[in-house]
Amino acid sequence: MSADISEWTDPSDDYVSVAVEIFSLLADPTRFRIVLALREGELAVGEIAERVSKPQATVSQHLAKLRMSRVVTTRHEGARVYYRLSNDHALELIRVAVFQAEHAVDDTVRHSHHSAGSIASAAVASASGAS
């Protein structure tokens, strides 16, 4: 993180409420994996469904929730709709959550506390169980 946490002020109740909703949104394993699937760029619904191993209808429902929360945005090309992450914030939350999970699950933690590292590679390696 680039900002020192000591520089933060307490967020307003509105921000706390929305932040908690975002954590809840990302707490679903399918949506978690959708964010990971979109880490390298935009994909059509069918491509996302294939990557997360879920039916296209299920993925569409999850994408609608992610879109309403402005986690993902869309681009239309003819009849196809392409999804991409709106920004890297959701991916950063997932990266940090996976790092915290390493502390809870493994005796050996794979991430470094001192280097920012690559959001995509760290999250993917940890989430997929790659060593």
Protein backbone atom coordinates (compact mmCIF):
# COMPACT_ATOMS: atom_id res chain seq x y z
CA MET A 1 0.00 0.00 0.00
CA SER A 2 1.32 3.38 -0.92
CA ALA A 3 -0.30 5.45 1.83
CA ASP A 4 0.84 5.12 5.42
CA ILE A 5 -2.13 3.93 7.48
CA SER A 6 -1.25 6.46 10.19
CA GLU A 7 -2.22 9.18 7.69
CA TRP A 8 -5.77 7.83 7.40
CA THR A 9 -8.75 9.39 9.09
CA ASP A 10 -11.65 7.28 10.22
CA PRO A 11 -14.06 6.82 7.29
CA SER A 12 -17.63 8.03 7.50
CA ASP A 13 -20.40 5.56 8.28
CA ASP A 14 -21.42 5.62 4.61
CA TYR A 15 -17.96 4.44 3.50
CA VAL A 16 -17.82 1.80 6.22
CA SER A 17 -21.20 0.45 5.16
CA VAL A 18 -20.24 0.26 1.48
CA ALA A 19 -16.80 -1.22 2.30
CA VAL A 20 -18.47 -4.00 4.29
CA GLU A 21 -20.78 -4.67 1.32
CA ILE A 22 -17.73 -4.97 -0.95
CA PHE A 23 -16.13 -7.49 1.40
CA SER A 24 -19.41 -9.44 1.40
CA LEU A 25 -19.57 -9.27 -2.40
CA LEU A 26 -16.03 -10.64 -2.75
CA ALA A 27 -16.62 -13.32 -0.09
CA ASP A 28 -18.35 -15.51 -2.67
CA PRO A 29 -15.91 -18.04 -4.21
CA THR A 30 -17.32 -17.62 -7.73
CA ARG A 31 -17.04 -13.83 -7.66
CA PHE A 32 -13.58 -14.15 -6.10
CA ARG A 33 -12.50 -16.33 -9.04
CA ILE A 34 -14.19 -14.02 -11.57
CA VAL A 35 -12.07 -11.12 -10.32
CA LEU A 36 -8.98 -13.30 -10.66
CA ALA A 37 -10.03 -14.33 -14.18
CA LEU A 38 -10.31 -10.67 -15.19
CA ARG A 39 -6.91 -9.69 -13.79
CA GLU A 40 -5.24 -9.65 -17.21
CA GLY A 41 -7.96 -7.94 -19.20
CA GLU A 42 -11.44 -8.14 -20.56
CA LEU A 43 -13.26 -11.37 -21.30
CA ALA A 44 -16.66 -12.37 -22.64
CA VAL A 45 -19.06 -14.17 -20.31
CA GLY A 46 -18.41 -17.55 -21.93
CA GLU A 47 -14.66 -17.17 -21.49
CA ILE A 48 -15.11 -16.23 -17.84
CA ALA A 49 -17.46 -19.18 -17.28
CA GLU A 50 -14.87 -21.54 -18.73
CA ARG A 51 -12.09 -20.11 -16.54
CA VAL A 52 -14.11 -20.35 -13.32
CA SER A 53 -15.71 -23.70 -14.25
CA LYS A 54 -19.28 -22.50 -13.74
CA PRO A 55 -22.32 -22.38 -16.05
CA GLN A 56 -22.62 -19.22 -18.11
CA ALA A 57 -25.99 -18.33 -16.51
CA THR A 58 -24.44 -18.51 -13.04
CA VAL A 59 -21.50 -16.35 -14.10
CA SER A 60 -23.86 -13.80 -15.66
CA GLN A 61 -25.71 -13.43 -12.36
CA HIS A 62 -22.45 -12.90 -10.46
CA LEU A 63 -21.20 -10.43 -13.08
CA ALA A 64 -24.42 -8.42 -12.68
CA LYS A 65 -23.73 -8.05 -8.96
CA LEU A 66 -20.11 -7.09 -9.62
CA ARG A 67 -21.25 -4.57 -12.21
CA MET A 68 -23.85 -3.00 -9.90
CA SER A 69 -21.12 -2.54 -7.31
CA ARG A 70 -18.83 -1.03 -9.96
CA VAL A 71 -16.21 -3.72 -9.53
CA VAL A 72 -16.47 -4.55 -13.24
CA THR A 73 -17.41 -2.55 -16.32
CA THR A 74 -18.55 -3.68 -19.74
CA ARG A 75 -17.88 -3.05 -23.39
CA HIS A 76 -20.32 -4.13 -26.10
CA GLU A 77 -19.16 -5.41 -29.45
CA GLY A 78 -22.11 -6.46 -31.53
CA ALA A 79 -24.07 -9.00 -29.52
CA ARG A 80 -21.09 -9.82 -27.27
CA VAL A 81 -20.47 -8.18 -23.92
CA TYR A 82 -16.93 -8.00 -22.58
CA TYR A 83 -16.19 -7.53 -18.89
CA ARG A 84 -13.12 -6.01 -17.27
CA LEU A 85 -12.17 -4.84 -13.80
CA SER A 86 -13.08 -1.20 -13.19
CA ASN A 87 -9.81 -0.73 -11.31
CA ASP A 88 -7.31 -2.81 -9.33
CA HIS A 89 -8.91 -2.28 -5.91
CA ALA A 90 -10.92 -5.54 -5.81
CA LEU A 91 -7.87 -7.45 -7.03
CA GLU A 92 -5.77 -5.84 -4.29
CA LEU A 93 -8.35 -6.89 -1.67
CA ILE A 94 -8.17 -10.44 -2.99
CA ARG A 95 -4.38 -10.38 -2.97
CA VAL A 96 -4.30 -9.27 0.66
CA ALA A 97 -6.97 -11.82 1.63
CA VAL A 98 -4.98 -14.63 0.02
CA PHE A 99 -1.85 -13.46 1.84
CA GLN A 100 -3.76 -13.49 5.13
CA ALA A 101 -5.08 -16.97 4.27
CA GLU A 102 -1.49 -18.15 3.87
CA HIS A 103 -0.86 -17.20 7.50
CA ALA A 104 -3.93 -19.15 8.59
CA VAL A 105 -3.33 -22.25 6.46
CA ASP A 106 0.39 -22.76 5.85
CA ASP A 107 3.37 -23.06 8.14
CA THR A 108 5.44 -21.43 5.40
CA VAL A 109 4.20 -18.14 4.00
CA ARG A 110 5.03 -17.63 0.31
CA HIS A 111 4.57 -13.87 0.08
CA SER A 112 7.01 -11.24 1.23
CA HIS A 113 6.05 -8.64 3.81
CA HIS A 114 8.59 -6.23 2.37
CA SER A 115 7.85 -6.23 -1.33
CA ALA A 116 4.70 -5.13 -3.09
CA GLY A 117 5.09 -7.84 -5.74
CA SER A 118 2.75 -8.43 -8.61
CA ILE A 119 -0.90 -8.41 -7.64
CA ALA A 120 -1.88 -10.82 -10.38
CA SER A 121 0.90 -13.36 -9.99
CA ALA A 122 0.80 -13.44 -6.20
CA ALA A 123 -2.96 -13.83 -6.00
CA VAL A 124 -3.07 -16.44 -8.73
CA ALA A 125 -0.20 -18.50 -7.34
CA SER A 126 -1.70 -18.51 -3.86
CA ALA A 127 -5.31 -19.07 -4.96
CA SER A 128 -4.40 -21.91 -7.28
CA GLY A 129 -2.09 -23.58 -4.77
CA ALA A 130 0.94 -23.22 -7.06
CA SER A 131 4.30 -23.17 -5.36
